[in-house]
Amino acid sequence: MEHETREERGFSVIALRGDVDFHSSRDAREILLKLVKSSRDILVDMSEVEYIDSSGIACLVEAFQESKSAGTKFGLVSVHGTARRVLELARLEKIFPIYESTSEAE
C-alpha cells in the first residue's frame, strides 16, 4: 500500500493505493490516527484501493470512532469494486459517510 496526503476544501485527504490488508493496515492505521490526533477533518480517497480485508476495515472503523470522539469529520471517497462490496457486506456503508468525489463532501 502506498499513500499520499493533500489538503482540499478544508479536509486532509489521504489517498490510499493498492491493497489495504494484514500487511499494510498497520501503516494505514498509524497514518489515519496521526491525522485524527491533529484535529483535522479527514477524507480517505479509496479510488485506487484494489483490495481491503478485515484488518483494513478495522483501521478505518478505529479512525472513524476516534474522529467522532474528537469532534472532527471522517468520510470515504470513491469507494468501488471489491472495497465497496466488503463495506456493504459488513453494512458499514450505513455508518461511514461515503462520497463519490471530494467535491461532494460536507
N, C-alpha and C. Protein backbone atom coordinates (compact mmCIF):
# COMPACT_ATOMS: atom_id res chain seq x y z
N MET A 1 0.83 -1.17 0.00
CA MET A 1 0.00 0.00 0.00
C MET A 1 0.88 1.24 0.00
N GLU A 2 0.48 2.18 -0.82
CA GLU A 2 1.12 3.49 -0.84
C GLU A 2 0.07 4.51 -0.46
N HIS A 3 0.52 5.70 -0.08
CA HIS A 3 -0.43 6.75 0.27
C HIS A 3 0.14 8.12 -0.07
N GLU A 4 -0.77 9.05 -0.18
CA GLU A 4 -0.40 10.44 -0.42
C GLU A 4 -1.44 11.30 0.32
N THR A 5 -0.97 12.34 0.98
CA THR A 5 -1.88 13.22 1.71
C THR A 5 -1.84 14.60 1.08
N ARG A 6 -3.03 15.20 0.95
CA ARG A 6 -3.12 16.55 0.41
C ARG A 6 -4.24 17.29 1.14
N GLU A 7 -4.25 18.58 1.02
CA GLU A 7 -5.31 19.41 1.59
C GLU A 7 -6.28 19.78 0.47
N GLU A 8 -7.57 19.66 0.75
CA GLU A 8 -8.57 20.00 -0.25
C GLU A 8 -9.87 20.39 0.44
N ARG A 9 -10.34 21.59 0.17
CA ARG A 9 -11.62 22.07 0.67
C ARG A 9 -11.76 21.95 2.18
N GLY A 10 -10.68 22.20 2.92
CA GLY A 10 -10.73 22.13 4.37
C GLY A 10 -10.56 20.73 4.95
N PHE A 11 -10.30 19.75 4.12
CA PHE A 11 -10.09 18.37 4.56
C PHE A 11 -8.64 17.97 4.32
N SER A 12 -8.15 17.09 5.17
CA SER A 12 -6.93 16.36 4.86
C SER A 12 -7.40 15.13 4.10
N VAL A 13 -6.97 15.01 2.86
CA VAL A 13 -7.38 13.89 2.02
C VAL A 13 -6.20 12.92 1.93
N ILE A 14 -6.43 11.70 2.38
CA ILE A 14 -5.39 10.68 2.27
C ILE A 14 -5.82 9.71 1.18
N ALA A 15 -5.03 9.66 0.14
CA ALA A 15 -5.30 8.75 -0.98
C ALA A 15 -4.50 7.48 -0.76
N LEU A 16 -5.22 6.37 -0.61
CA LEU A 16 -4.58 5.07 -0.45
C LEU A 16 -4.52 4.38 -1.81
N ARG A 17 -3.43 3.65 -2.04
CA ARG A 17 -3.27 2.93 -3.31
C ARG A 17 -2.82 1.50 -3.03
N GLY A 18 -3.41 0.57 -3.77
CA GLY A 18 -3.02 -0.84 -3.62
C GLY A 18 -3.93 -1.56 -2.66
N ASP A 19 -3.37 -2.56 -1.98
CA ASP A 19 -4.13 -3.37 -1.05
C ASP A 19 -4.00 -2.83 0.37
N VAL A 20 -5.12 -2.78 1.08
CA VAL A 20 -5.12 -2.43 2.49
C VAL A 20 -5.48 -3.73 3.21
N ASP A 21 -4.44 -4.45 3.59
CA ASP A 21 -4.64 -5.78 4.15
C ASP A 21 -3.78 -5.96 5.40
N PHE A 22 -3.68 -7.19 5.85
CA PHE A 22 -2.93 -7.50 7.06
C PHE A 22 -1.52 -6.91 7.03
N HIS A 23 -0.89 -6.92 5.88
CA HIS A 23 0.50 -6.45 5.76
C HIS A 23 0.62 -4.94 5.78
N SER A 24 -0.41 -4.23 5.35
CA SER A 24 -0.31 -2.77 5.25
C SER A 24 -1.22 -2.01 6.19
N SER A 25 -2.14 -2.71 6.84
CA SER A 25 -3.12 -1.99 7.66
C SER A 25 -2.49 -1.30 8.85
N ARG A 26 -1.40 -1.81 9.37
CA ARG A 26 -0.71 -1.15 10.49
C ARG A 26 -0.24 0.24 10.05
N ASP A 27 0.32 0.35 8.86
CA ASP A 27 0.75 1.65 8.35
C ASP A 27 -0.44 2.57 8.12
N ALA A 28 -1.51 2.04 7.54
CA ALA A 28 -2.71 2.83 7.30
C ALA A 28 -3.27 3.35 8.62
N ARG A 29 -3.32 2.49 9.62
CA ARG A 29 -3.83 2.87 10.95
C ARG A 29 -3.00 4.01 11.53
N GLU A 30 -1.69 3.87 11.48
CA GLU A 30 -0.78 4.89 12.03
C GLU A 30 -1.00 6.24 11.34
N ILE A 31 -1.09 6.22 10.04
CA ILE A 31 -1.29 7.45 9.26
C ILE A 31 -2.63 8.10 9.60
N LEU A 32 -3.70 7.30 9.61
CA LEU A 32 -5.03 7.83 9.89
C LEU A 32 -5.14 8.38 11.31
N LEU A 33 -4.63 7.65 12.28
CA LEU A 33 -4.73 8.12 13.66
C LEU A 33 -3.89 9.37 13.91
N LYS A 34 -2.78 9.48 13.22
CA LYS A 34 -1.96 10.70 13.32
C LYS A 34 -2.75 11.90 12.81
N LEU A 35 -3.45 11.73 11.69
CA LEU A 35 -4.27 12.82 11.17
C LEU A 35 -5.42 13.16 12.11
N VAL A 36 -6.06 12.14 12.67
CA VAL A 36 -7.15 12.38 13.61
C VAL A 36 -6.64 13.16 14.82
N LYS A 37 -5.49 12.79 15.34
CA LYS A 37 -4.93 13.47 16.51
C LYS A 37 -4.55 14.91 16.22
N SER A 38 -4.37 15.25 14.96
CA SER A 38 -4.05 16.63 14.60
C SER A 38 -5.31 17.47 14.45
N SER A 39 -6.45 16.89 14.86
CA SER A 39 -7.76 17.57 14.84
C SER A 39 -8.16 18.03 13.45
N ARG A 40 -7.87 17.22 12.47
CA ARG A 40 -8.24 17.55 11.09
C ARG A 40 -9.47 16.77 10.66
N ASP A 41 -10.26 17.39 9.78
CA ASP A 41 -11.33 16.67 9.11
C ASP A 41 -10.67 15.83 8.02
N ILE A 42 -11.08 14.57 7.90
CA ILE A 42 -10.38 13.62 7.04
C ILE A 42 -11.31 13.00 6.02
N LEU A 43 -10.79 12.90 4.80
CA LEU A 43 -11.42 12.10 3.75
C LEU A 43 -10.40 11.06 3.30
N VAL A 44 -10.84 9.82 3.20
CA VAL A 44 -9.97 8.75 2.72
C VAL A 44 -10.37 8.44 1.28
N ASP A 45 -9.51 8.80 0.35
CA ASP A 45 -9.74 8.55 -1.07
C ASP A 45 -9.35 7.11 -1.37
N MET A 46 -10.35 6.31 -1.71
CA MET A 46 -10.12 4.89 -1.94
C MET A 46 -10.23 4.52 -3.42
N SER A 47 -10.11 5.51 -4.29
CA SER A 47 -10.27 5.26 -5.72
C SER A 47 -9.24 4.28 -6.29
N GLU A 48 -8.09 4.16 -5.62
CA GLU A 48 -7.06 3.26 -6.11
C GLU A 48 -6.80 2.08 -5.17
N VAL A 49 -7.76 1.83 -4.27
CA VAL A 49 -7.66 0.66 -3.40
C VAL A 49 -8.21 -0.53 -4.16
N GLU A 50 -7.37 -1.51 -4.38
CA GLU A 50 -7.77 -2.69 -5.15
C GLU A 50 -8.41 -3.75 -4.27
N TYR A 51 -8.00 -3.81 -3.00
CA TYR A 51 -8.49 -4.85 -2.09
C TYR A 51 -8.38 -4.33 -0.67
N ILE A 52 -9.37 -4.67 0.16
CA ILE A 52 -9.31 -4.35 1.59
C ILE A 52 -9.84 -5.55 2.35
N ASP A 53 -9.15 -5.94 3.42
CA ASP A 53 -9.61 -7.06 4.22
C ASP A 53 -10.09 -6.56 5.58
N SER A 54 -10.39 -7.48 6.48
CA SER A 54 -10.96 -7.10 7.77
C SER A 54 -10.01 -6.23 8.59
N SER A 55 -8.71 -6.42 8.46
CA SER A 55 -7.78 -5.57 9.21
C SER A 55 -7.78 -4.15 8.65
N GLY A 56 -7.95 -4.01 7.36
CA GLY A 56 -8.06 -2.68 6.75
C GLY A 56 -9.34 -2.00 7.16
N ILE A 57 -10.44 -2.76 7.18
CA ILE A 57 -11.73 -2.22 7.64
C ILE A 57 -11.61 -1.79 9.10
N ALA A 58 -10.95 -2.60 9.91
CA ALA A 58 -10.79 -2.29 11.33
C ALA A 58 -10.05 -0.96 11.54
N CYS A 59 -9.03 -0.69 10.73
CA CYS A 59 -8.31 0.58 10.90
C CYS A 59 -9.18 1.76 10.48
N LEU A 60 -10.04 1.59 9.47
CA LEU A 60 -10.97 2.65 9.09
C LEU A 60 -12.00 2.90 10.19
N VAL A 61 -12.51 1.82 10.78
CA VAL A 61 -13.50 1.95 11.85
C VAL A 61 -12.87 2.65 13.06
N GLU A 62 -11.66 2.25 13.42
CA GLU A 62 -11.00 2.88 14.56
C GLU A 62 -10.77 4.36 14.32
N ALA A 63 -10.29 4.72 13.14
CA ALA A 63 -10.06 6.13 12.82
C ALA A 63 -11.38 6.90 12.82
N PHE A 64 -12.45 6.30 12.30
CA PHE A 64 -13.77 6.93 12.31
C PHE A 64 -14.24 7.18 13.74
N GLN A 65 -14.10 6.19 14.61
CA GLN A 65 -14.52 6.34 16.00
C GLN A 65 -13.70 7.40 16.72
N GLU A 66 -12.40 7.41 16.50
CA GLU A 66 -11.54 8.41 17.12
C GLU A 66 -11.89 9.81 16.62
N SER A 67 -12.18 9.91 15.34
CA SER A 67 -12.56 11.19 14.75
C SER A 67 -13.87 11.69 15.36
N LYS A 68 -14.80 10.79 15.49
CA LYS A 68 -16.09 11.14 16.08
C LYS A 68 -15.91 11.64 17.52
N SER A 69 -15.07 10.95 18.28
CA SER A 69 -14.78 11.35 19.66
C SER A 69 -14.09 12.71 19.72
N ALA A 70 -13.27 13.00 18.71
CA ALA A 70 -12.54 14.27 18.66
C ALA A 70 -13.40 15.40 18.10
N GLY A 71 -14.58 15.08 17.59
CA GLY A 71 -15.45 16.09 17.03
C GLY A 71 -15.05 16.56 15.64
N THR A 72 -14.33 15.71 14.94
CA THR A 72 -13.93 16.04 13.57
C THR A 72 -14.68 15.14 12.59
N LYS A 73 -14.63 15.53 11.33
CA LYS A 73 -15.32 14.78 10.28
C LYS A 73 -14.41 13.70 9.71
N PHE A 74 -15.04 12.60 9.28
CA PHE A 74 -14.30 11.49 8.68
C PHE A 74 -15.21 10.86 7.62
N GLY A 75 -14.71 10.75 6.40
CA GLY A 75 -15.51 10.16 5.34
C GLY A 75 -14.64 9.41 4.34
N LEU A 76 -15.30 8.63 3.53
CA LEU A 76 -14.64 7.86 2.47
C LEU A 76 -15.05 8.42 1.12
N VAL A 77 -14.13 8.39 0.17
CA VAL A 77 -14.37 8.93 -1.16
C VAL A 77 -14.02 7.88 -2.22
N SER A 78 -14.83 7.81 -3.24
CA SER A 78 -14.56 6.96 -4.41
C SER A 78 -14.32 5.50 -4.04
N VAL A 79 -15.22 4.95 -3.25
CA VAL A 79 -15.12 3.54 -2.87
C VAL A 79 -15.82 2.72 -3.95
N HIS A 80 -15.11 1.79 -4.54
CA HIS A 80 -15.70 0.99 -5.61
C HIS A 80 -15.16 -0.44 -5.59
N GLY A 81 -15.71 -1.25 -6.45
CA GLY A 81 -15.22 -2.62 -6.63
C GLY A 81 -15.28 -3.45 -5.37
N THR A 82 -14.23 -4.22 -5.15
CA THR A 82 -14.16 -5.13 -4.02
C THR A 82 -14.27 -4.40 -2.69
N ALA A 83 -13.62 -3.25 -2.58
CA ALA A 83 -13.68 -2.48 -1.33
C ALA A 83 -15.12 -2.09 -1.00
N ARG A 84 -15.86 -1.68 -1.99
CA ARG A 84 -17.27 -1.31 -1.78
C ARG A 84 -18.09 -2.52 -1.32
N ARG A 85 -17.85 -3.66 -1.97
CA ARG A 85 -18.58 -4.87 -1.60
C ARG A 85 -18.28 -5.31 -0.17
N VAL A 86 -17.03 -5.19 0.24
CA VAL A 86 -16.65 -5.55 1.61
C VAL A 86 -17.37 -4.64 2.61
N LEU A 87 -17.40 -3.34 2.34
CA LEU A 87 -18.10 -2.41 3.22
C LEU A 87 -19.59 -2.73 3.27
N GLU A 88 -20.17 -3.05 2.14
CA GLU A 88 -21.59 -3.36 2.09
C GLU A 88 -21.91 -4.66 2.82
N LEU A 89 -21.05 -5.67 2.70
CA LEU A 89 -21.27 -6.93 3.41
C LEU A 89 -21.27 -6.72 4.92
N ALA A 90 -20.42 -5.82 5.38
CA ALA A 90 -20.34 -5.50 6.81
C ALA A 90 -21.36 -4.43 7.21
N ARG A 91 -22.14 -3.96 6.23
CA ARG A 91 -23.14 -2.91 6.43
C ARG A 91 -22.52 -1.59 6.91
N LEU A 92 -21.28 -1.39 6.59
CA LEU A 92 -20.59 -0.17 7.03
C LEU A 92 -20.87 1.02 6.12
N GLU A 93 -21.48 0.78 4.95
CA GLU A 93 -21.85 1.91 4.10
C GLU A 93 -22.94 2.74 4.77
N LYS A 94 -23.60 2.17 5.79
CA LYS A 94 -24.61 2.90 6.54
C LYS A 94 -23.99 3.70 7.69
N ILE A 95 -22.75 3.40 8.03
CA ILE A 95 -22.05 4.07 9.14
C ILE A 95 -21.14 5.18 8.62
N PHE A 96 -20.31 4.84 7.66
CA PHE A 96 -19.37 5.82 7.11
C PHE A 96 -20.08 6.77 6.16
N PRO A 97 -19.78 8.06 6.25
CA PRO A 97 -20.19 8.95 5.16
C PRO A 97 -19.35 8.57 3.93
N ILE A 98 -20.01 8.28 2.82
CA ILE A 98 -19.30 7.90 1.60
C ILE A 98 -19.70 8.85 0.49
N TYR A 99 -18.70 9.41 -0.17
CA TYR A 99 -18.92 10.39 -1.24
C TYR A 99 -18.32 9.87 -2.54
N GLU A 100 -18.94 10.26 -3.64
CA GLU A 100 -18.40 9.89 -4.95
C GLU A 100 -17.13 10.66 -5.26
N SER A 101 -17.03 11.90 -4.76
CA SER A 101 -15.84 12.72 -5.01
C SER A 101 -15.63 13.64 -3.82
N THR A 102 -14.44 14.23 -3.73
CA THR A 102 -14.17 15.15 -2.62
C THR A 102 -15.03 16.40 -2.70
N SER A 103 -15.47 16.78 -3.90
CA SER A 103 -16.30 17.97 -4.02
C SER A 103 -17.68 17.78 -3.40
N GLU A 104 -18.12 16.54 -3.19
CA GLU A 104 -19.40 16.26 -2.57
C GLU A 104 -19.36 16.29 -1.05
N ALA A 105 -18.15 16.18 -0.48
CA ALA A 105 -18.02 16.09 0.98
C ALA A 105 -18.46 17.37 1.66
N GLU A 106 -19.09 17.19 2.80
CA GLU A 106 -19.60 18.32 3.57
C GLU A 106 -18.71 18.61 4.75
